[in-house]
Structures are given as C-alpha cells and as structure tokens.
Amino acid sequence: MSISKTRQTIVDVARQLFAKKGLDNTTMNDIAVASGKGRRTLYTYFKSKEDVYQAVIESELERLSDKMDEVASRNIRPQDKVIELIFTHLNMIKETVVRNGNLRAAFFRNIWMVEKVRKNFDEDELEILRKVIAEGKEAGEFDIDNVDLIADITHYCIKGLEVPYVCGRLGHGITPEASRPHVQRVVYGALGKIKRNEQNQPINN
C-alpha cells in the first residue's frame, strides 16, 4: 500500500473511532489496532493523537471544499450561486458534525484548533466567493463597489451561522428550505440591483 493510502486508511479509521468513542477516549493504540497497523507505522505518520485529529479535520474540510468547487462551477446565475454556496457550506458542516457522533463535542470544544486547521479552506472559500461576486458585478447583477469586502463579510456571516444551524437554533424551528427566501432577501439586498420579483423565484439546482 502506498504512503498516501496508508495515511488515509489511518485517518479514516481514526475518524470512525473518534466518532464512536470521542477524542478523549480514543488512544493511539486503539487507532493502530483498528487500522491493522503497528504503533511504529502509526508514529511514522503522526506524532500524537492530536496530529491524527488534525488530519481528520483536514480530510473532512477537503470534502467540503470539493463540494464548494462543484457548486462554483455550475452554470447558474451568480445571485443563485451565492445562495447555493451558503447553503452548501452550512449543510456540509452540519452533515460532517452529525455523522461524526462523539467527535462533535471535540469539534466545538477545540474551536481554536479547528480554526487553525481550516485556514486553507477559508482562503479557498474566500477566493470562490470573490470570483462569483466579481462575476455578478461584471454581469450587472450586483451593485457593489468593493468585491473583496463583500466576499469577506459574506464569508464571516456564513461562519457565524454554523453553530446555530448545526444545533437547529437558526430561525427557531424554521426548516432550511423555508429559510431560503429570507436568506435570499438578505443576500440580494446586500449585493444590490436585484429586482423585487426575482427575490422569491425558486433556485435552480
């Protein structure tokens, strides 16, 4: 098995163990046994359990990044693309947290570590938002002066919604689908130059 495949196997096994037992209750020996690798092999790739945990977060963020790239490449209007990027981000974060079971506690408890690991993802997401917003401005759909500033604001607004969205506290019980028209109005209002009758049109997936 190649170096990359061996490392990925360890990361995949570790994620499952963290999800089932939690970060604190999982040991390096547990990971070595479950992955069918010796402790020596495990320490060849990772210095500590925290290193493995970091690799797990990076792997999860890669999934999210791939999905964001997919949305950005769709042939839809920039205004619809911004909304799709927002909900794709939130839904993927929620899916990641939910499917990882006991890992979710560590995710929220170690938020600064997560922030450090997700730096590259955040930069990639910002670049995507800049491109889409610039595309909309060039097409005359967005009436804005500073693309970078609007992209930054949008990015940090999305990040700020992560925890309430995952915990179901966003909109006091409003479903994600029901929240879309409200999000559209806020986003379209910020981007400007969108006709009122377009605000409630369904989004093409």
N, C-alpha and C. Protein backbone atom coordinates (compact mmCIF):
# COMPACT_ATOMS: atom_id res chain seq x y z
N MET A 1 0.85 -1.19 0.00
CA MET A 1 0.00 0.00 0.00
C MET A 1 0.89 1.25 0.00
N SER A 2 0.55 2.24 -0.81
CA SER A 2 1.36 3.44 -0.91
C SER A 2 1.29 4.25 0.38
N ILE A 3 2.25 5.18 0.51
CA ILE A 3 2.30 6.03 1.71
C ILE A 3 1.00 6.80 1.87
N SER A 4 0.50 7.39 0.77
CA SER A 4 -0.72 8.19 0.85
C SER A 4 -1.93 7.35 1.24
N LYS A 5 -2.01 6.13 0.70
CA LYS A 5 -3.14 5.25 1.03
C LYS A 5 -3.07 4.78 2.47
N THR A 6 -1.85 4.47 2.94
CA THR A 6 -1.70 4.04 4.33
C THR A 6 -2.11 5.16 5.27
N ARG A 7 -1.68 6.37 4.99
CA ARG A 7 -2.03 7.51 5.83
C ARG A 7 -3.53 7.75 5.83
N GLN A 8 -4.14 7.68 4.63
CA GLN A 8 -5.58 7.92 4.54
C GLN A 8 -6.37 6.83 5.27
N THR A 9 -5.88 5.59 5.22
CA THR A 9 -6.53 4.50 5.95
C THR A 9 -6.54 4.80 7.45
N ILE A 10 -5.40 5.25 7.95
CA ILE A 10 -5.29 5.59 9.37
C ILE A 10 -6.26 6.71 9.72
N VAL A 11 -6.33 7.73 8.87
CA VAL A 11 -7.22 8.88 9.11
C VAL A 11 -8.68 8.43 9.10
N ASP A 12 -9.05 7.59 8.14
CA ASP A 12 -10.44 7.12 8.05
C ASP A 12 -10.83 6.31 9.28
N VAL A 13 -9.93 5.43 9.71
CA VAL A 13 -10.19 4.61 10.89
C VAL A 13 -10.29 5.48 12.13
N ALA A 14 -9.38 6.44 12.25
CA ALA A 14 -9.38 7.34 13.40
C ALA A 14 -10.67 8.13 13.47
N ARG A 15 -11.15 8.61 12.32
CA ARG A 15 -12.40 9.37 12.32
C ARG A 15 -13.54 8.54 12.87
N GLN A 16 -13.62 7.29 12.47
CA GLN A 16 -14.67 6.40 12.95
C GLN A 16 -14.55 6.15 14.45
N LEU A 17 -13.32 5.99 14.93
CA LEU A 17 -13.12 5.78 16.37
C LEU A 17 -13.46 7.04 17.16
N PHE A 18 -13.03 8.21 16.66
CA PHE A 18 -13.36 9.46 17.33
C PHE A 18 -14.87 9.66 17.38
N ALA A 19 -15.54 9.30 16.28
CA ALA A 19 -16.99 9.47 16.20
C ALA A 19 -17.70 8.56 17.20
N LYS A 20 -17.17 7.35 17.38
CA LYS A 20 -17.81 6.37 18.26
C LYS A 20 -17.45 6.57 19.73
N LYS A 21 -16.16 6.80 20.01
CA LYS A 21 -15.70 6.84 21.40
C LYS A 21 -15.39 8.24 21.90
N GLY A 22 -15.25 9.18 20.97
CA GLY A 22 -14.84 10.51 21.37
C GLY A 22 -13.34 10.64 21.32
N LEU A 23 -12.87 11.87 21.22
CA LEU A 23 -11.43 12.12 21.11
C LEU A 23 -10.69 11.70 22.37
N ASP A 24 -11.22 12.08 23.52
CA ASP A 24 -10.53 11.80 24.79
C ASP A 24 -10.43 10.32 25.09
N ASN A 25 -11.41 9.53 24.66
CA ASN A 25 -11.44 8.10 24.99
C ASN A 25 -10.80 7.21 23.94
N THR A 26 -10.20 7.81 22.95
CA THR A 26 -9.51 7.07 21.89
C THR A 26 -8.01 7.21 22.08
N THR A 27 -7.28 6.12 22.02
CA THR A 27 -5.83 6.15 22.17
C THR A 27 -5.14 5.86 20.84
N MET A 28 -3.87 6.16 20.79
CA MET A 28 -3.08 5.84 19.60
C MET A 28 -3.06 4.33 19.38
N ASN A 29 -3.05 3.57 20.47
CA ASN A 29 -3.07 2.11 20.35
C ASN A 29 -4.38 1.64 19.73
N ASP A 30 -5.49 2.27 20.13
CA ASP A 30 -6.79 1.93 19.54
C ASP A 30 -6.75 2.13 18.02
N ILE A 31 -6.17 3.25 17.60
CA ILE A 31 -6.09 3.57 16.18
C ILE A 31 -5.21 2.57 15.45
N ALA A 32 -4.08 2.21 16.07
CA ALA A 32 -3.16 1.26 15.45
C ALA A 32 -3.82 -0.10 15.26
N VAL A 33 -4.50 -0.57 16.29
CA VAL A 33 -5.16 -1.88 16.24
C VAL A 33 -6.28 -1.88 15.20
N ALA A 34 -7.14 -0.85 15.25
CA ALA A 34 -8.29 -0.79 14.34
C ALA A 34 -7.88 -0.65 12.88
N SER A 35 -6.76 0.00 12.63
CA SER A 35 -6.30 0.19 11.26
C SER A 35 -5.44 -0.96 10.76
N GLY A 36 -5.12 -1.88 11.66
CA GLY A 36 -4.30 -3.03 11.28
C GLY A 36 -2.86 -2.65 11.05
N LYS A 37 -2.45 -1.54 11.64
CA LYS A 37 -1.07 -1.07 11.50
C LYS A 37 -0.39 -1.13 12.87
N GLY A 38 0.88 -1.35 12.87
CA GLY A 38 1.62 -1.33 14.12
C GLY A 38 1.79 0.08 14.63
N ARG A 39 2.06 0.20 15.93
CA ARG A 39 2.26 1.54 16.51
C ARG A 39 3.43 2.25 15.84
N ARG A 40 4.43 1.49 15.44
CA ARG A 40 5.58 2.09 14.78
C ARG A 40 5.17 2.75 13.46
N THR A 41 4.31 2.06 12.71
CA THR A 41 3.82 2.63 11.46
C THR A 41 2.99 3.88 11.72
N LEU A 42 2.16 3.79 12.76
CA LEU A 42 1.30 4.93 13.10
C LEU A 42 2.14 6.17 13.43
N TYR A 43 3.18 5.98 14.22
CA TYR A 43 4.02 7.11 14.61
C TYR A 43 4.94 7.58 13.49
N THR A 44 5.02 6.81 12.42
CA THR A 44 5.76 7.26 11.25
C THR A 44 5.04 8.43 10.58
N TYR A 45 3.70 8.39 10.65
CA TYR A 45 2.87 9.41 10.00
C TYR A 45 2.41 10.50 10.96
N PHE A 46 2.22 10.15 12.23
CA PHE A 46 1.67 11.11 13.19
C PHE A 46 2.44 11.07 14.51
N LYS A 47 2.74 12.24 15.03
CA LYS A 47 3.49 12.33 16.28
C LYS A 47 2.62 12.09 17.50
N SER A 48 1.33 12.39 17.37
CA SER A 48 0.43 12.29 18.51
C SER A 48 -1.00 12.13 18.05
N LYS A 49 -1.88 11.87 19.01
CA LYS A 49 -3.31 11.75 18.70
C LYS A 49 -3.85 13.08 18.18
N GLU A 50 -3.31 14.18 18.69
CA GLU A 50 -3.75 15.50 18.23
C GLU A 50 -3.41 15.70 16.75
N ASP A 51 -2.28 15.15 16.33
CA ASP A 51 -1.91 15.22 14.91
C ASP A 51 -2.90 14.43 14.05
N VAL A 52 -3.32 13.28 14.57
CA VAL A 52 -4.30 12.47 13.85
C VAL A 52 -5.63 13.22 13.76
N TYR A 53 -6.03 13.83 14.87
CA TYR A 53 -7.27 14.60 14.93
C TYR A 53 -7.24 15.73 13.92
N GLN A 54 -6.10 16.41 13.83
CA GLN A 54 -5.94 17.50 12.87
C GLN A 54 -6.10 16.98 11.45
N ALA A 55 -5.53 15.81 11.17
CA ALA A 55 -5.63 15.21 9.84
C ALA A 55 -7.08 14.85 9.52
N VAL A 56 -7.82 14.40 10.53
CA VAL A 56 -9.24 14.07 10.34
C VAL A 56 -10.02 15.32 9.95
N ILE A 57 -9.78 16.43 10.65
CA ILE A 57 -10.47 17.68 10.34
C ILE A 57 -10.13 18.13 8.92
N GLU A 58 -8.84 18.03 8.57
CA GLU A 58 -8.41 18.42 7.22
C GLU A 58 -9.10 17.58 6.15
N SER A 59 -9.24 16.30 6.42
CA SER A 59 -9.89 15.39 5.47
C SER A 59 -11.36 15.76 5.29
N GLU A 60 -12.02 16.10 6.40
CA GLU A 60 -13.43 16.49 6.34
C GLU A 60 -13.59 17.81 5.58
N LEU A 61 -12.66 18.74 5.80
CA LEU A 61 -12.74 20.02 5.11
C LEU A 61 -12.47 19.88 3.62
N GLU A 62 -11.68 18.89 3.24
CA GLU A 62 -11.44 18.63 1.82
C GLU A 62 -12.73 18.22 1.13
N ARG A 63 -13.55 17.44 1.81
CA ARG A 63 -14.86 17.04 1.27
C ARG A 63 -15.71 18.29 1.01
N LEU A 64 -15.71 19.19 1.99
CA LEU A 64 -16.49 20.42 1.87
C LEU A 64 -15.95 21.29 0.74
N SER A 65 -14.64 21.38 0.65
CA SER A 65 -14.01 22.20 -0.39
C SER A 65 -14.36 21.67 -1.79
N ASP A 66 -14.33 20.36 -1.95
CA ASP A 66 -14.67 19.76 -3.24
C ASP A 66 -16.11 20.09 -3.62
N LYS A 67 -17.01 20.06 -2.64
CA LYS A 67 -18.42 20.35 -2.90
C LYS A 67 -18.61 21.82 -3.27
N MET A 68 -17.87 22.70 -2.61
CA MET A 68 -17.96 24.12 -2.92
C MET A 68 -17.46 24.40 -4.33
N ASP A 69 -16.39 23.72 -4.72
CA ASP A 69 -15.87 23.88 -6.09
C ASP A 69 -16.91 23.42 -7.11
N GLU A 70 -17.61 22.35 -6.77
CA GLU A 70 -18.65 21.82 -7.67
C GLU A 70 -19.77 22.84 -7.87
N VAL A 71 -20.19 23.46 -6.77
CA VAL A 71 -21.25 24.48 -6.86
C VAL A 71 -20.77 25.68 -7.66
N ALA A 72 -19.54 26.10 -7.42
CA ALA A 72 -18.99 27.28 -8.10
C ALA A 72 -18.90 27.08 -9.61
N SER A 73 -18.80 25.83 -10.04
CA SER A 73 -18.66 25.55 -11.47
C SER A 73 -20.00 25.38 -12.19
N ARG A 74 -21.11 25.43 -11.44
CA ARG A 74 -22.42 25.26 -12.07
C ARG A 74 -22.76 26.43 -12.98
N ASN A 75 -23.52 26.15 -14.00
CA ASN A 75 -23.94 27.17 -14.96
C ASN A 75 -25.26 27.79 -14.51
N ILE A 76 -25.18 28.55 -13.42
CA ILE A 76 -26.36 29.24 -12.91
C ILE A 76 -25.98 30.70 -12.66
N ARG A 77 -26.98 31.55 -12.47
CA ARG A 77 -26.73 32.97 -12.28
C ARG A 77 -25.91 33.20 -11.01
N PRO A 78 -25.05 34.21 -11.01
CA PRO A 78 -24.23 34.49 -9.83
C PRO A 78 -25.05 34.66 -8.55
N GLN A 79 -26.21 35.31 -8.63
CA GLN A 79 -27.03 35.52 -7.44
C GLN A 79 -27.50 34.19 -6.86
N ASP A 80 -27.85 33.24 -7.73
CA ASP A 80 -28.26 31.91 -7.26
C ASP A 80 -27.06 31.13 -6.74
N LYS A 81 -25.93 31.35 -7.37
CA LYS A 81 -24.71 30.63 -6.98
C LYS A 81 -24.29 31.02 -5.57
N VAL A 82 -24.41 32.30 -5.22
CA VAL A 82 -24.06 32.75 -3.87
C VAL A 82 -24.93 32.04 -2.83
N ILE A 83 -26.23 31.96 -3.11
CA ILE A 83 -27.14 31.28 -2.18
C ILE A 83 -26.79 29.80 -2.06
N GLU A 84 -26.51 29.17 -3.18
CA GLU A 84 -26.15 27.75 -3.17
C GLU A 84 -24.86 27.52 -2.38
N LEU A 85 -23.90 28.42 -2.52
CA LEU A 85 -22.65 28.29 -1.78
C LEU A 85 -22.90 28.39 -0.28
N ILE A 86 -23.77 29.31 0.11
CA ILE A 86 -24.08 29.47 1.53
C ILE A 86 -24.70 28.20 2.11
N PHE A 87 -25.73 27.69 1.43
CA PHE A 87 -26.42 26.51 1.97
C PHE A 87 -25.59 25.24 1.82
N THR A 88 -24.77 25.16 0.79
CA THR A 88 -23.89 24.01 0.66
C THR A 88 -22.90 23.98 1.82
N HIS A 89 -22.33 25.11 2.12
CA HIS A 89 -21.40 25.22 3.26
C HIS A 89 -22.08 24.77 4.55
N LEU A 90 -23.23 25.35 4.85
CA LEU A 90 -23.92 25.04 6.11
C LEU A 90 -24.38 23.59 6.18
N ASN A 91 -24.91 23.08 5.08
CA ASN A 91 -25.39 21.69 5.08
C ASN A 91 -24.25 20.69 5.19
N MET A 92 -23.12 20.99 4.55
CA MET A 92 -21.98 20.09 4.63
C MET A 92 -21.36 20.10 6.03
N ILE A 93 -21.30 21.27 6.66
CA ILE A 93 -20.79 21.35 8.03
C ILE A 93 -21.70 20.57 8.97
N LYS A 94 -23.02 20.73 8.78
CA LYS A 94 -23.97 20.02 9.64
C LYS A 94 -23.85 18.51 9.43
N GLU A 95 -23.76 18.08 8.18
CA GLU A 95 -23.62 16.66 7.87
C GLU A 95 -22.35 16.10 8.51
N THR A 96 -21.26 16.86 8.42
CA THR A 96 -19.99 16.42 8.98
C THR A 96 -20.07 16.26 10.48
N VAL A 97 -20.66 17.23 11.15
CA VAL A 97 -20.77 17.17 12.61
C VAL A 97 -21.69 16.03 13.04
N VAL A 98 -22.83 15.90 12.38
CA VAL A 98 -23.81 14.87 12.74
C VAL A 98 -23.26 13.47 12.52
N ARG A 99 -22.60 13.24 11.39
CA ARG A 99 -22.13 11.90 11.09
C ARG A 99 -20.92 11.48 11.91
N ASN A 100 -20.31 12.47 12.58
CA ASN A 100 -19.14 12.15 13.38
C ASN A 100 -19.45 11.95 14.86
N GLY A 101 -20.71 11.89 15.21
CA GLY A 101 -21.11 11.49 16.55
C GLY A 101 -20.37 12.20 17.66
N ASN A 102 -19.63 11.42 18.48
CA ASN A 102 -18.95 11.98 19.64
C ASN A 102 -17.85 12.96 19.27
N LEU A 103 -17.45 12.98 18.02
CA LEU A 103 -16.42 13.92 17.60
C LEU A 103 -16.94 15.35 17.62
N ARG A 104 -18.25 15.51 17.57
CA ARG A 104 -18.81 16.86 17.51
C ARG A 104 -18.46 17.67 18.75
N ALA A 105 -18.42 17.00 19.93
CA ALA A 105 -18.08 17.70 21.16
C ALA A 105 -16.66 18.26 21.09
N ALA A 106 -15.76 17.44 20.57
CA ALA A 106 -14.37 17.89 20.44
C ALA A 106 -14.27 19.01 19.42
N PHE A 107 -15.10 18.92 18.38
CA PHE A 107 -15.09 19.94 17.33
C PHE A 107 -15.40 21.31 17.91
N PHE A 108 -16.46 21.38 18.73
CA PHE A 108 -16.85 22.67 19.28
C PHE A 108 -15.95 23.09 20.44
N ARG A 109 -15.47 22.10 21.23
CA ARG A 109 -14.61 22.42 22.36
C ARG A 109 -13.25 22.94 21.90
N ASN A 110 -12.74 22.36 20.81
CA ASN A 110 -11.42 22.73 20.31
C ASN A 110 -11.54 23.68 19.11
N ILE A 111 -12.40 24.67 19.25
CA ILE A 111 -12.72 25.52 18.13
C ILE A 111 -11.50 26.26 17.60
N TRP A 112 -10.56 26.64 18.49
CA TRP A 112 -9.38 27.37 18.02
C TRP A 112 -8.46 26.46 17.22
N MET A 113 -8.40 25.19 17.61
CA MET A 113 -7.61 24.23 16.84
C MET A 113 -8.25 24.03 15.47
N VAL A 114 -9.56 23.93 15.47
CA VAL A 114 -10.29 23.78 14.21
C VAL A 114 -10.04 24.99 13.32
N GLU A 115 -10.07 26.18 13.92
CA GLU A 115 -9.83 27.40 13.15
C GLU A 115 -8.45 27.39 12.51
N LYS A 116 -7.47 26.90 13.24
CA LYS A 116 -6.10 26.83 12.71
C LYS A 116 -6.03 25.88 11.52
N VAL A 117 -6.70 24.73 11.65
CA VAL A 117 -6.65 23.72 10.60
C VAL A 117 -7.41 24.18 9.36
N ARG A 118 -8.50 24.91 9.57
CA ARG A 118 -9.34 25.28 8.43
C ARG A 118 -8.90 26.55 7.72
N LYS A 119 -7.72 27.06 8.07
CA LYS A 119 -7.23 28.29 7.45
C LYS A 119 -7.19 28.19 5.93
N ASN A 120 -6.63 27.09 5.42
CA ASN A 120 -6.52 26.92 3.97
C ASN A 120 -7.90 26.83 3.32
N PHE A 121 -8.82 26.11 3.99
CA PHE A 121 -10.17 26.01 3.44
C PHE A 121 -10.83 27.39 3.38
N ASP A 122 -10.67 28.17 4.45
CA ASP A 122 -11.27 29.50 4.48
C ASP A 122 -10.74 30.37 3.35
N GLU A 123 -9.46 30.27 3.08
CA GLU A 123 -8.87 31.05 1.99
C GLU A 123 -9.42 30.62 0.64
N ASP A 124 -9.60 29.30 0.46
CA ASP A 124 -10.16 28.80 -0.79
C ASP A 124 -11.60 29.26 -0.96
N GLU A 125 -12.37 29.21 0.14
CA GLU A 125 -13.76 29.63 0.07
C GLU A 125 -13.86 31.12 -0.25
N LEU A 126 -13.01 31.91 0.36
CA LEU A 126 -13.00 33.35 0.07
C LEU A 126 -12.71 33.61 -1.40
N GLU A 127 -11.79 32.87 -1.97
CA GLU A 127 -11.45 33.05 -3.38
C GLU A 127 -12.65 32.70 -4.27
N ILE A 128 -13.37 31.65 -3.91
CA ILE A 128 -14.57 31.27 -4.66
C ILE A 128 -15.60 32.39 -4.60
N LEU A 129 -15.84 32.92 -3.39
CA LEU A 129 -16.82 33.98 -3.22
C LEU A 129 -16.41 35.23 -4.01
N ARG A 130 -15.14 35.55 -3.99
CA ARG A 130 -14.68 36.72 -4.74
C ARG A 130 -14.97 36.56 -6.23
N LYS A 131 -14.68 35.38 -6.76
CA LYS A 131 -14.88 35.13 -8.19
C LYS A 131 -16.35 35.22 -8.56
N VAL A 132 -17.22 34.63 -7.74
CA VAL A 132 -18.65 34.63 -8.04
C VAL A 132 -19.22 36.04 -7.93
N ILE A 133 -18.82 36.76 -6.88
CA ILE A 133 -19.32 38.12 -6.69
C ILE A 133 -18.80 39.05 -7.79
N ALA A 134 -17.55 38.87 -8.18
CA ALA A 134 -16.99 39.67 -9.27
C ALA A 134 -17.72 39.36 -10.58
N GLU A 135 -18.06 38.09 -10.77
CA GLU A 135 -18.82 37.69 -11.96
C GLU A 135 -20.17 38.38 -11.99
N GLY A 136 -20.83 38.43 -10.84
CA GLY A 136 -22.13 39.09 -10.76
C GLY A 136 -22.04 40.58 -10.97
N LYS A 137 -20.98 41.18 -10.45
CA LYS A 137 -20.79 42.62 -10.64
C LYS A 137 -20.56 42.93 -12.11
N GLU A 138 -19.72 42.14 -12.75
CA GLU A 138 -19.41 42.35 -14.17
C GLU A 138 -20.64 42.17 -15.04
N ALA A 139 -21.53 41.24 -14.64
CA ALA A 139 -22.75 40.99 -15.41
C ALA A 139 -23.83 42.03 -15.14
N GLY A 140 -23.57 42.92 -14.18
CA GLY A 140 -24.54 43.95 -13.85
C GLY A 140 -25.62 43.49 -12.90
N GLU A 141 -25.45 42.31 -12.30
CA GLU A 141 -26.45 41.80 -11.36
C GLU A 141 -26.23 42.35 -9.95
N PHE A 142 -24.99 42.66 -9.60
CA PHE A 142 -24.67 43.15 -8.27
C PHE A 142 -24.22 44.61 -8.33
N ASP A 143 -24.81 45.44 -7.52
CA ASP A 143 -24.45 46.84 -7.47
C ASP A 143 -23.58 47.07 -6.24
N ILE A 144 -22.29 46.75 -6.35
CA ILE A 144 -21.36 46.86 -5.24
C ILE A 144 -20.09 47.56 -5.71
N ASP A 145 -19.36 48.13 -4.73
CA ASP A 145 -18.12 48.83 -5.05
C ASP A 145 -16.89 47.98 -4.76
N ASN A 146 -16.93 47.24 -3.66
CA ASN A 146 -15.74 46.52 -3.20
C ASN A 146 -16.00 45.02 -3.14
N VAL A 147 -15.56 44.29 -4.12
CA VAL A 147 -15.78 42.84 -4.19
C VAL A 147 -15.15 42.12 -3.02
N ASP A 148 -13.91 42.47 -2.69
CA ASP A 148 -13.20 41.80 -1.61
C ASP A 148 -13.91 41.96 -0.27
N LEU A 149 -14.38 43.17 -0.01
CA LEU A 149 -15.07 43.44 1.25
C LEU A 149 -16.36 42.65 1.35
N ILE A 150 -17.15 42.63 0.29
CA ILE A 150 -18.41 41.90 0.29
C ILE A 150 -18.15 40.40 0.46
N ALA A 151 -17.10 39.89 -0.18
CA ALA A 151 -16.74 38.47 -0.05
C ALA A 151 -16.35 38.16 1.39
N ASP A 152 -15.58 39.04 2.02
CA ASP A 152 -15.17 38.85 3.42
C ASP A 152 -16.39 38.82 4.34
N ILE A 153 -17.27 39.79 4.16
CA ILE A 153 -18.46 39.87 5.01
C ILE A 153 -19.32 38.62 4.84
N THR A 154 -19.52 38.20 3.59
CA THR A 154 -20.32 37.01 3.32
C THR A 154 -19.70 35.79 3.97
N HIS A 155 -18.39 35.65 3.84
CA HIS A 155 -17.67 34.51 4.41
C HIS A 155 -17.85 34.45 5.93
N TYR A 156 -17.64 35.58 6.60
CA TYR A 156 -17.74 35.57 8.07
C TYR A 156 -19.18 35.42 8.55
N CYS A 157 -20.12 35.89 7.75
CA CYS A 157 -21.53 35.66 8.10
C CYS A 157 -21.86 34.17 8.04
N ILE A 158 -21.35 33.48 7.02
CA ILE A 158 -21.59 32.04 6.90
C ILE A 158 -20.99 31.30 8.09
N LYS A 159 -19.76 31.66 8.44
CA LYS A 159 -19.10 31.01 9.58
C LYS A 159 -19.88 31.24 10.87
N GLY A 160 -20.42 32.45 11.02
CA GLY A 160 -21.17 32.77 12.22
C GLY A 160 -22.47 32.00 12.34
N LEU A 161 -22.98 31.52 11.21
CA LEU A 161 -24.23 30.76 11.21
C LEU A 161 -24.03 29.26 11.48
N GLU A 162 -22.78 28.79 11.43
CA GLU A 162 -22.51 27.36 11.52
C GLU A 162 -23.09 26.71 12.78
N VAL A 163 -22.74 27.23 13.95
CA VAL A 163 -23.17 26.59 15.20
C VAL A 163 -24.69 26.62 15.36
N PRO A 164 -25.36 27.78 15.21
CA PRO A 164 -26.82 27.75 15.33
C PRO A 164 -27.50 26.89 14.28
N TYR A 165 -26.93 26.82 13.08
CA TYR A 165 -27.50 25.98 12.02
C TYR A 165 -27.38 24.51 12.37
N VAL A 166 -26.20 24.11 12.83
CA VAL A 166 -25.96 22.71 13.21
C VAL A 166 -26.85 22.31 14.38
N CYS A 167 -26.99 23.22 15.34
CA CYS A 167 -27.75 22.92 16.56
C CYS A 167 -29.26 23.12 16.39
N GLY A 168 -29.69 23.56 15.21
CA GLY A 168 -31.12 23.74 14.96
C GLY A 168 -31.71 24.95 15.63
N ARG A 169 -30.88 25.94 15.96
CA ARG A 169 -31.39 27.13 16.65
C ARG A 169 -31.60 28.30 15.70
N LEU A 170 -31.34 28.08 14.42
CA LEU A 170 -31.49 29.16 13.45
C LEU A 170 -32.95 29.30 13.04
N GLY A 171 -33.52 30.47 13.31
CA GLY A 171 -34.90 30.72 12.91
C GLY A 171 -35.94 30.04 13.77
N HIS A 172 -35.55 29.58 14.95
CA HIS A 172 -36.48 28.99 15.91
C HIS A 172 -37.38 27.93 15.28
N GLY A 173 -36.75 26.94 14.65
CA GLY A 173 -37.52 25.81 14.13
C GLY A 173 -37.84 25.90 12.65
N ILE A 174 -37.49 26.99 12.00
CA ILE A 174 -37.73 27.11 10.56
C ILE A 174 -36.82 26.12 9.83
N THR A 175 -37.39 25.39 8.89
CA THR A 175 -36.60 24.42 8.14
C THR A 175 -35.62 25.14 7.22
N PRO A 176 -34.52 24.46 6.85
CA PRO A 176 -33.57 25.09 5.92
C PRO A 176 -34.22 25.56 4.63
N GLU A 177 -35.13 24.74 4.09
CA GLU A 177 -35.78 25.11 2.84
C GLU A 177 -36.66 26.35 3.02
N ALA A 178 -37.37 26.41 4.17
CA ALA A 178 -38.24 27.56 4.43
C ALA A 178 -37.43 28.82 4.68
N SER A 179 -36.19 28.65 5.10
CA SER A 179 -35.36 29.82 5.40
C SER A 179 -34.75 30.45 4.15
N ARG A 180 -34.78 29.72 3.03
CA ARG A 180 -34.11 30.20 1.82
C ARG A 180 -34.62 31.56 1.34
N PRO A 181 -35.93 31.78 1.24
CA PRO A 181 -36.40 33.10 0.77
C PRO A 181 -35.89 34.24 1.66
N HIS A 182 -35.79 33.98 2.97
CA HIS A 182 -35.32 35.01 3.90
C HIS A 182 -33.84 35.29 3.68
N VAL A 183 -33.07 34.23 3.49
CA VAL A 183 -31.65 34.38 3.22
C VAL A 183 -31.44 35.09 1.89
N GLN A 184 -32.26 34.74 0.90
CA GLN A 184 -32.18 35.39 -0.41
C GLN A 184 -32.38 36.89 -0.29
N ARG A 185 -33.38 37.30 0.47
CA ARG A 185 -33.67 38.72 0.60
C ARG A 185 -32.50 39.47 1.25
N VAL A 186 -31.92 38.85 2.29
CA VAL A 186 -30.79 39.48 2.97
C VAL A 186 -29.59 39.58 2.03
N VAL A 187 -29.27 38.48 1.36
CA VAL A 187 -28.10 38.46 0.48
C VAL A 187 -28.30 39.35 -0.73
N TYR A 188 -29.47 39.24 -1.36
CA TYR A 188 -29.72 40.06 -2.55
C TYR A 188 -29.73 41.54 -2.19
N GLY A 189 -30.24 41.86 -1.00
CA GLY A 189 -30.25 43.24 -0.56
C GLY A 189 -28.84 43.78 -0.38
N ALA A 190 -27.96 42.92 0.15
CA ALA A 190 -26.56 43.33 0.36
C ALA A 190 -25.83 43.49 -0.96
N LEU A 191 -26.17 42.64 -1.93
CA LEU A 191 -25.48 42.68 -3.22
C LEU A 191 -26.05 43.76 -4.14
N GLY A 192 -27.31 44.11 -3.91
CA GLY A 192 -27.92 45.21 -4.65
C GLY A 192 -28.34 44.88 -6.07
N LYS A 193 -29.12 45.80 -6.65
CA LYS A 193 -29.54 45.75 -8.05
C LYS A 193 -30.24 44.46 -8.43
N ILE A 194 -31.07 43.92 -7.54
CA ILE A 194 -31.87 42.74 -7.84
C ILE A 194 -33.34 43.15 -7.80
N LYS A 195 -34.07 42.88 -8.88
CA LYS A 195 -35.48 43.24 -8.93
C LYS A 195 -36.26 42.47 -7.88
N ARG A 196 -37.23 43.14 -7.29
CA ARG A 196 -38.02 42.55 -6.22
C ARG A 196 -38.69 41.25 -6.64
N ASN A 197 -39.19 41.17 -7.89
CA ASN A 197 -39.89 39.96 -8.31
C ASN A 197 -38.96 38.78 -8.52
N GLU A 198 -37.65 39.03 -8.47
CA GLU A 198 -36.69 37.93 -8.61
C GLU A 198 -36.35 37.32 -7.27
N GLN A 199 -36.65 38.02 -6.18
CA GLN A 199 -36.22 37.56 -4.86
C GLN A 199 -36.87 36.25 -4.47
N ASN A 200 -38.09 36.03 -4.88
CA ASN A 200 -38.79 34.83 -4.46
C ASN A 200 -38.85 33.74 -5.50
N GLN A 201 -38.08 33.92 -6.56
CA GLN A 201 -38.05 32.88 -7.59
C GLN A 201 -37.31 31.66 -7.05
N PRO A 202 -37.74 30.45 -7.42
CA PRO A 202 -37.03 29.26 -6.97
C PRO A 202 -35.63 29.20 -7.54
N ILE A 203 -34.71 28.57 -6.78
CA ILE A 203 -33.33 28.44 -7.20
C ILE A 203 -33.18 27.18 -8.03
N ASN A 204 -32.47 27.31 -9.14
CA ASN A 204 -32.23 26.14 -9.97
C ASN A 204 -31.05 25.36 -9.42
N ASN A 205 -31.25 24.06 -9.13
CA ASN A 205 -30.20 23.23 -8.58
C ASN A 205 -29.43 22.56 -9.72
